[in-house]
Amino acid sequence: MLEKDGYEVISSSNGLFGLRKAMEDNPSLLILDVMLPGLDGFEVCHRLREDPATAKIPVIMLSAKGQDTDRAAALKVGANEFYAKPADRIVLLAKIAELLASKSV
């Protein structure tokens, strides 16, 4: 979805690999699924926030579980935003643009 909007996308099949890729590649933004094999998205986000090298990378979390407790947990570990799946494409793209713009300021 994001490639056709001009974004370069690097994906990962599990949480640990995603965490390593984020630490190696220093992406402009991360979109994390809550339910990932290995480390879940909450733990990945938490670890990214603990490392000064990755602490400021904007993080959007997505989950098939749209519970208020999931949203609260995502924000508690440092996510900038949380959306239940399926996320509205226009809303997601707007949030991505907002987070990338605020990062460059």
N, C-alpha and C. Protein backbone atom coordinates (compact mmCIF):
# COMPACT_ATOMS: atom_id res chain seq x y z
N MET A 1 0.82 -1.19 0.00
CA MET A 1 0.00 0.00 0.00
C MET A 1 0.86 1.26 0.00
N LEU A 2 1.89 1.30 0.82
CA LEU A 2 2.67 2.53 0.95
C LEU A 2 3.62 2.77 -0.22
N GLU A 3 4.06 1.71 -0.88
CA GLU A 3 4.96 1.89 -2.01
C GLU A 3 4.32 2.72 -3.11
N LYS A 4 3.04 2.48 -3.37
CA LYS A 4 2.38 3.22 -4.45
C LYS A 4 2.16 4.69 -4.09
N ASP A 5 2.38 5.03 -2.82
CA ASP A 5 2.31 6.43 -2.40
C ASP A 5 3.69 7.06 -2.29
N GLY A 6 4.70 6.35 -2.81
CA GLY A 6 6.04 6.91 -2.89
C GLY A 6 6.95 6.61 -1.72
N TYR A 7 6.53 5.77 -0.82
CA TYR A 7 7.36 5.43 0.34
C TYR A 7 8.17 4.18 0.07
N GLU A 8 9.41 4.16 0.54
CA GLU A 8 10.22 2.96 0.49
C GLU A 8 9.85 2.12 1.71
N VAL A 9 9.55 0.87 1.49
CA VAL A 9 9.10 -0.01 2.57
C VAL A 9 10.08 -1.16 2.75
N ILE A 10 10.47 -1.37 4.00
CA ILE A 10 11.28 -2.52 4.37
C ILE A 10 10.44 -3.30 5.36
N SER A 11 10.22 -4.57 5.10
CA SER A 11 9.36 -5.35 5.99
C SER A 11 10.15 -6.44 6.70
N SER A 12 9.54 -6.96 7.75
CA SER A 12 10.16 -7.99 8.55
C SER A 12 9.13 -9.04 8.88
N SER A 13 9.57 -10.27 8.99
CA SER A 13 8.64 -11.36 9.26
C SER A 13 8.43 -11.62 10.75
N ASN A 14 9.26 -11.02 11.60
CA ASN A 14 9.08 -11.22 13.04
C ASN A 14 9.63 -10.03 13.81
N GLY A 15 9.31 -9.97 15.08
CA GLY A 15 9.68 -8.83 15.90
C GLY A 15 11.17 -8.66 16.10
N LEU A 16 11.88 -9.74 16.35
CA LEU A 16 13.32 -9.64 16.59
C LEU A 16 14.05 -9.15 15.34
N PHE A 17 13.69 -9.69 14.18
CA PHE A 17 14.31 -9.25 12.93
C PHE A 17 13.97 -7.79 12.66
N GLY A 18 12.72 -7.40 12.93
CA GLY A 18 12.32 -6.01 12.75
C GLY A 18 13.09 -5.06 13.65
N LEU A 19 13.30 -5.47 14.88
CA LEU A 19 14.09 -4.66 15.82
C LEU A 19 15.51 -4.49 15.31
N ARG A 20 16.11 -5.57 14.86
CA ARG A 20 17.49 -5.50 14.32
C ARG A 20 17.55 -4.60 13.10
N LYS A 21 16.57 -4.75 12.19
CA LYS A 21 16.54 -3.91 10.97
C LYS A 21 16.42 -2.44 11.35
N ALA A 22 15.58 -2.13 12.32
CA ALA A 22 15.40 -0.73 12.74
C ALA A 22 16.70 -0.18 13.31
N MET A 23 17.40 -0.98 14.07
CA MET A 23 18.66 -0.52 14.66
C MET A 23 19.76 -0.36 13.61
N GLU A 24 19.74 -1.21 12.60
CA GLU A 24 20.75 -1.13 11.54
C GLU A 24 20.45 -0.04 10.52
N ASP A 25 19.17 0.07 10.12
CA ASP A 25 18.80 0.94 9.00
C ASP A 25 18.35 2.33 9.40
N ASN A 26 18.04 2.55 10.68
CA ASN A 26 17.55 3.83 11.16
C ASN A 26 16.46 4.41 10.24
N PRO A 27 15.33 3.76 10.16
CA PRO A 27 14.26 4.23 9.26
C PRO A 27 13.66 5.55 9.71
N SER A 28 12.99 6.21 8.81
CA SER A 28 12.33 7.49 9.12
C SER A 28 11.09 7.29 9.98
N LEU A 29 10.48 6.11 9.88
CA LEU A 29 9.24 5.82 10.59
C LEU A 29 9.04 4.31 10.62
N LEU A 30 8.39 3.82 11.67
CA LEU A 30 8.07 2.40 11.77
C LEU A 30 6.58 2.20 11.91
N ILE A 31 6.07 1.19 11.24
CA ILE A 31 4.71 0.73 11.45
C ILE A 31 4.84 -0.68 11.99
N LEU A 32 4.39 -0.86 13.22
CA LEU A 32 4.52 -2.15 13.90
C LEU A 32 3.17 -2.79 14.12
N ASP A 33 3.08 -4.06 13.82
CA ASP A 33 1.92 -4.84 14.19
C ASP A 33 2.10 -5.26 15.64
N VAL A 34 1.04 -5.29 16.39
CA VAL A 34 1.14 -5.74 17.78
C VAL A 34 1.49 -7.22 17.83
N MET A 35 0.82 -8.01 17.03
CA MET A 35 1.02 -9.47 17.08
C MET A 35 2.09 -9.90 16.07
N LEU A 36 3.30 -10.04 16.57
CA LEU A 36 4.43 -10.48 15.76
C LEU A 36 5.02 -11.74 16.39
N PRO A 37 5.53 -12.65 15.56
CA PRO A 37 6.22 -13.81 16.13
C PRO A 37 7.49 -13.36 16.86
N GLY A 38 7.87 -14.08 17.87
CA GLY A 38 9.07 -13.73 18.62
C GLY A 38 8.75 -12.61 19.60
N LEU A 39 9.24 -11.44 19.32
CA LEU A 39 8.92 -10.26 20.13
C LEU A 39 7.65 -9.63 19.57
N ASP A 40 6.70 -9.31 20.45
CA ASP A 40 5.51 -8.63 19.94
C ASP A 40 5.82 -7.14 19.71
N GLY A 41 4.92 -6.45 19.05
CA GLY A 41 5.12 -5.05 18.72
C GLY A 41 5.32 -4.16 19.94
N PHE A 42 4.65 -4.47 21.05
CA PHE A 42 4.83 -3.70 22.27
C PHE A 42 6.28 -3.76 22.74
N GLU A 43 6.84 -4.97 22.74
CA GLU A 43 8.23 -5.15 23.20
C GLU A 43 9.21 -4.50 22.24
N VAL A 44 8.96 -4.61 20.94
CA VAL A 44 9.83 -3.97 19.95
C VAL A 44 9.84 -2.46 20.18
N CYS A 45 8.67 -1.87 20.32
CA CYS A 45 8.57 -0.43 20.54
C CYS A 45 9.28 -0.03 21.84
N HIS A 46 9.05 -0.79 22.89
CA HIS A 46 9.69 -0.51 24.17
C HIS A 46 11.22 -0.51 24.04
N ARG A 47 11.76 -1.51 23.38
CA ARG A 47 13.22 -1.60 23.21
C ARG A 47 13.76 -0.47 22.34
N LEU A 48 13.01 -0.10 21.31
CA LEU A 48 13.43 1.02 20.47
C LEU A 48 13.50 2.31 21.28
N ARG A 49 12.52 2.53 22.13
CA ARG A 49 12.48 3.74 22.95
C ARG A 49 13.59 3.78 24.00
N GLU A 50 14.08 2.63 24.43
CA GLU A 50 15.15 2.58 25.42
C GLU A 50 16.53 2.89 24.83
N ASP A 51 16.68 2.73 23.52
CA ASP A 51 17.97 2.94 22.86
C ASP A 51 18.04 4.36 22.31
N PRO A 52 18.99 5.18 22.75
CA PRO A 52 19.08 6.56 22.27
C PRO A 52 19.18 6.67 20.74
N ALA A 53 19.75 5.66 20.09
CA ALA A 53 19.90 5.69 18.63
C ALA A 53 18.57 5.55 17.90
N THR A 54 17.58 4.92 18.54
CA THR A 54 16.28 4.69 17.87
C THR A 54 15.11 5.33 18.62
N ALA A 55 15.39 5.98 19.73
CA ALA A 55 14.32 6.48 20.60
C ALA A 55 13.39 7.49 19.93
N LYS A 56 13.87 8.21 18.96
CA LYS A 56 13.06 9.27 18.35
C LYS A 56 12.39 8.87 17.03
N ILE A 57 12.57 7.62 16.62
CA ILE A 57 11.91 7.16 15.38
C ILE A 57 10.40 7.13 15.64
N PRO A 58 9.60 7.81 14.82
CA PRO A 58 8.15 7.75 15.00
C PRO A 58 7.65 6.31 14.80
N VAL A 59 6.71 5.90 15.66
CA VAL A 59 6.17 4.55 15.60
C VAL A 59 4.64 4.61 15.56
N ILE A 60 4.08 3.95 14.56
CA ILE A 60 2.64 3.74 14.47
C ILE A 60 2.41 2.25 14.70
N MET A 61 1.51 1.93 15.62
CA MET A 61 1.21 0.52 15.88
C MET A 61 -0.17 0.18 15.35
N LEU A 62 -0.26 -1.03 14.80
CA LEU A 62 -1.52 -1.55 14.26
C LEU A 62 -1.86 -2.85 14.97
N SER A 63 -3.15 -3.10 15.14
CA SER A 63 -3.56 -4.35 15.75
C SER A 63 -4.92 -4.78 15.27
N ALA A 64 -5.08 -6.07 15.13
CA ALA A 64 -6.41 -6.62 14.83
C ALA A 64 -7.29 -6.51 16.06
N LYS A 65 -6.66 -6.37 17.21
CA LYS A 65 -7.39 -6.19 18.46
C LYS A 65 -7.50 -4.69 18.72
N GLY A 66 -8.66 -4.14 18.54
CA GLY A 66 -8.84 -2.70 18.69
C GLY A 66 -9.31 -2.29 20.07
N GLN A 67 -8.92 -3.01 21.10
CA GLN A 67 -9.35 -2.72 22.46
C GLN A 67 -8.69 -1.45 22.99
N ASP A 68 -9.36 -0.78 23.91
CA ASP A 68 -8.78 0.39 24.56
C ASP A 68 -7.51 0.03 25.31
N THR A 69 -7.47 -1.18 25.86
CA THR A 69 -6.27 -1.61 26.60
C THR A 69 -5.07 -1.76 25.66
N ASP A 70 -5.31 -2.18 24.42
CA ASP A 70 -4.22 -2.30 23.45
C ASP A 70 -3.69 -0.91 23.09
N ARG A 71 -4.61 0.01 22.87
CA ARG A 71 -4.20 1.39 22.57
C ARG A 71 -3.40 1.97 23.72
N ALA A 72 -3.88 1.78 24.94
CA ALA A 72 -3.18 2.30 26.11
C ALA A 72 -1.79 1.68 26.24
N ALA A 73 -1.69 0.37 25.99
CA ALA A 73 -0.40 -0.31 26.08
C ALA A 73 0.56 0.21 25.01
N ALA A 74 0.07 0.45 23.81
CA ALA A 74 0.91 0.97 22.73
C ALA A 74 1.45 2.35 23.09
N LEU A 75 0.59 3.21 23.59
CA LEU A 75 1.03 4.55 23.95
C LEU A 75 1.97 4.51 25.14
N LYS A 76 1.75 3.60 26.06
CA LYS A 76 2.60 3.48 27.25
C LYS A 76 4.04 3.08 26.87
N VAL A 77 4.20 2.22 25.87
CA VAL A 77 5.55 1.81 25.46
C VAL A 77 6.19 2.80 24.50
N GLY A 78 5.46 3.86 24.15
CA GLY A 78 6.06 4.93 23.36
C GLY A 78 5.60 5.09 21.94
N ALA A 79 4.58 4.36 21.51
CA ALA A 79 4.07 4.54 20.15
C ALA A 79 3.49 5.95 20.01
N ASN A 80 3.66 6.51 18.83
CA ASN A 80 3.09 7.83 18.56
C ASN A 80 1.61 7.74 18.26
N GLU A 81 1.19 6.60 17.71
CA GLU A 81 -0.22 6.42 17.34
C GLU A 81 -0.54 4.94 17.31
N PHE A 82 -1.82 4.64 17.45
CA PHE A 82 -2.31 3.26 17.43
C PHE A 82 -3.59 3.23 16.61
N TYR A 83 -3.67 2.27 15.68
CA TYR A 83 -4.87 2.09 14.88
C TYR A 83 -5.28 0.62 14.89
N ALA A 84 -6.57 0.39 14.96
CA ALA A 84 -7.09 -0.96 14.81
C ALA A 84 -7.13 -1.29 13.32
N LYS A 85 -6.87 -2.55 13.00
CA LYS A 85 -6.96 -3.01 11.60
C LYS A 85 -8.41 -3.30 11.27
N PRO A 86 -8.81 -3.09 10.07
CA PRO A 86 -8.03 -2.46 9.02
C PRO A 86 -8.00 -0.95 9.22
N ALA A 87 -6.82 -0.38 9.15
CA ALA A 87 -6.67 1.07 9.33
C ALA A 87 -7.17 1.77 8.07
N ASP A 88 -7.81 2.89 8.27
CA ASP A 88 -8.26 3.72 7.15
C ASP A 88 -7.03 4.25 6.43
N ARG A 89 -6.90 3.95 5.16
CA ARG A 89 -5.73 4.32 4.37
C ARG A 89 -5.45 5.81 4.39
N ILE A 90 -6.46 6.62 4.21
CA ILE A 90 -6.29 8.08 4.17
C ILE A 90 -5.83 8.60 5.53
N VAL A 91 -6.43 8.09 6.60
CA VAL A 91 -6.04 8.50 7.95
C VAL A 91 -4.59 8.08 8.23
N LEU A 92 -4.24 6.87 7.85
CA LEU A 92 -2.89 6.37 8.06
C LEU A 92 -1.87 7.20 7.28
N LEU A 93 -2.14 7.48 6.02
CA LEU A 93 -1.23 8.28 5.21
C LEU A 93 -1.08 9.69 5.78
N ALA A 94 -2.16 10.26 6.27
CA ALA A 94 -2.09 11.59 6.86
C ALA A 94 -1.22 11.58 8.11
N LYS A 95 -1.36 10.55 8.95
CA LYS A 95 -0.55 10.45 10.17
C LYS A 95 0.92 10.24 9.82
N ILE A 96 1.19 9.43 8.81
CA ILE A 96 2.57 9.22 8.37
C ILE A 96 3.18 10.55 7.93
N ALA A 97 2.47 11.28 7.09
CA ALA A 97 2.98 12.57 6.62
C ALA A 97 3.20 13.53 7.78
N GLU A 98 2.28 13.55 8.73
CA GLU A 98 2.41 14.43 9.90
C GLU A 98 3.64 14.07 10.73
N LEU A 99 3.84 12.79 11.00
CA LEU A 99 4.97 12.37 11.81
C LEU A 99 6.31 12.62 11.10
N LEU A 100 6.35 12.38 9.81
CA LEU A 100 7.59 12.64 9.06
C LEU A 100 7.90 14.14 8.99
N ALA A 101 6.86 14.96 8.84
CA ALA A 101 7.06 16.41 8.81
C ALA A 101 7.54 16.93 10.16
N SER A 102 6.98 16.42 11.24
CA SER A 102 7.39 16.89 12.56
C SER A 102 8.79 16.41 12.91
N LYS A 103 9.21 15.30 12.34
CA LYS A 103 10.56 14.77 12.58
C LYS A 103 11.61 15.65 11.91
N SER A 104 11.28 16.25 10.79
CA SER A 104 12.24 17.05 10.04
C SER A 104 12.34 18.48 10.56
N VAL A 105 11.51 18.84 11.51
CA VAL A 105 11.54 20.21 12.05
C VAL A 105 12.61 20.33 13.09
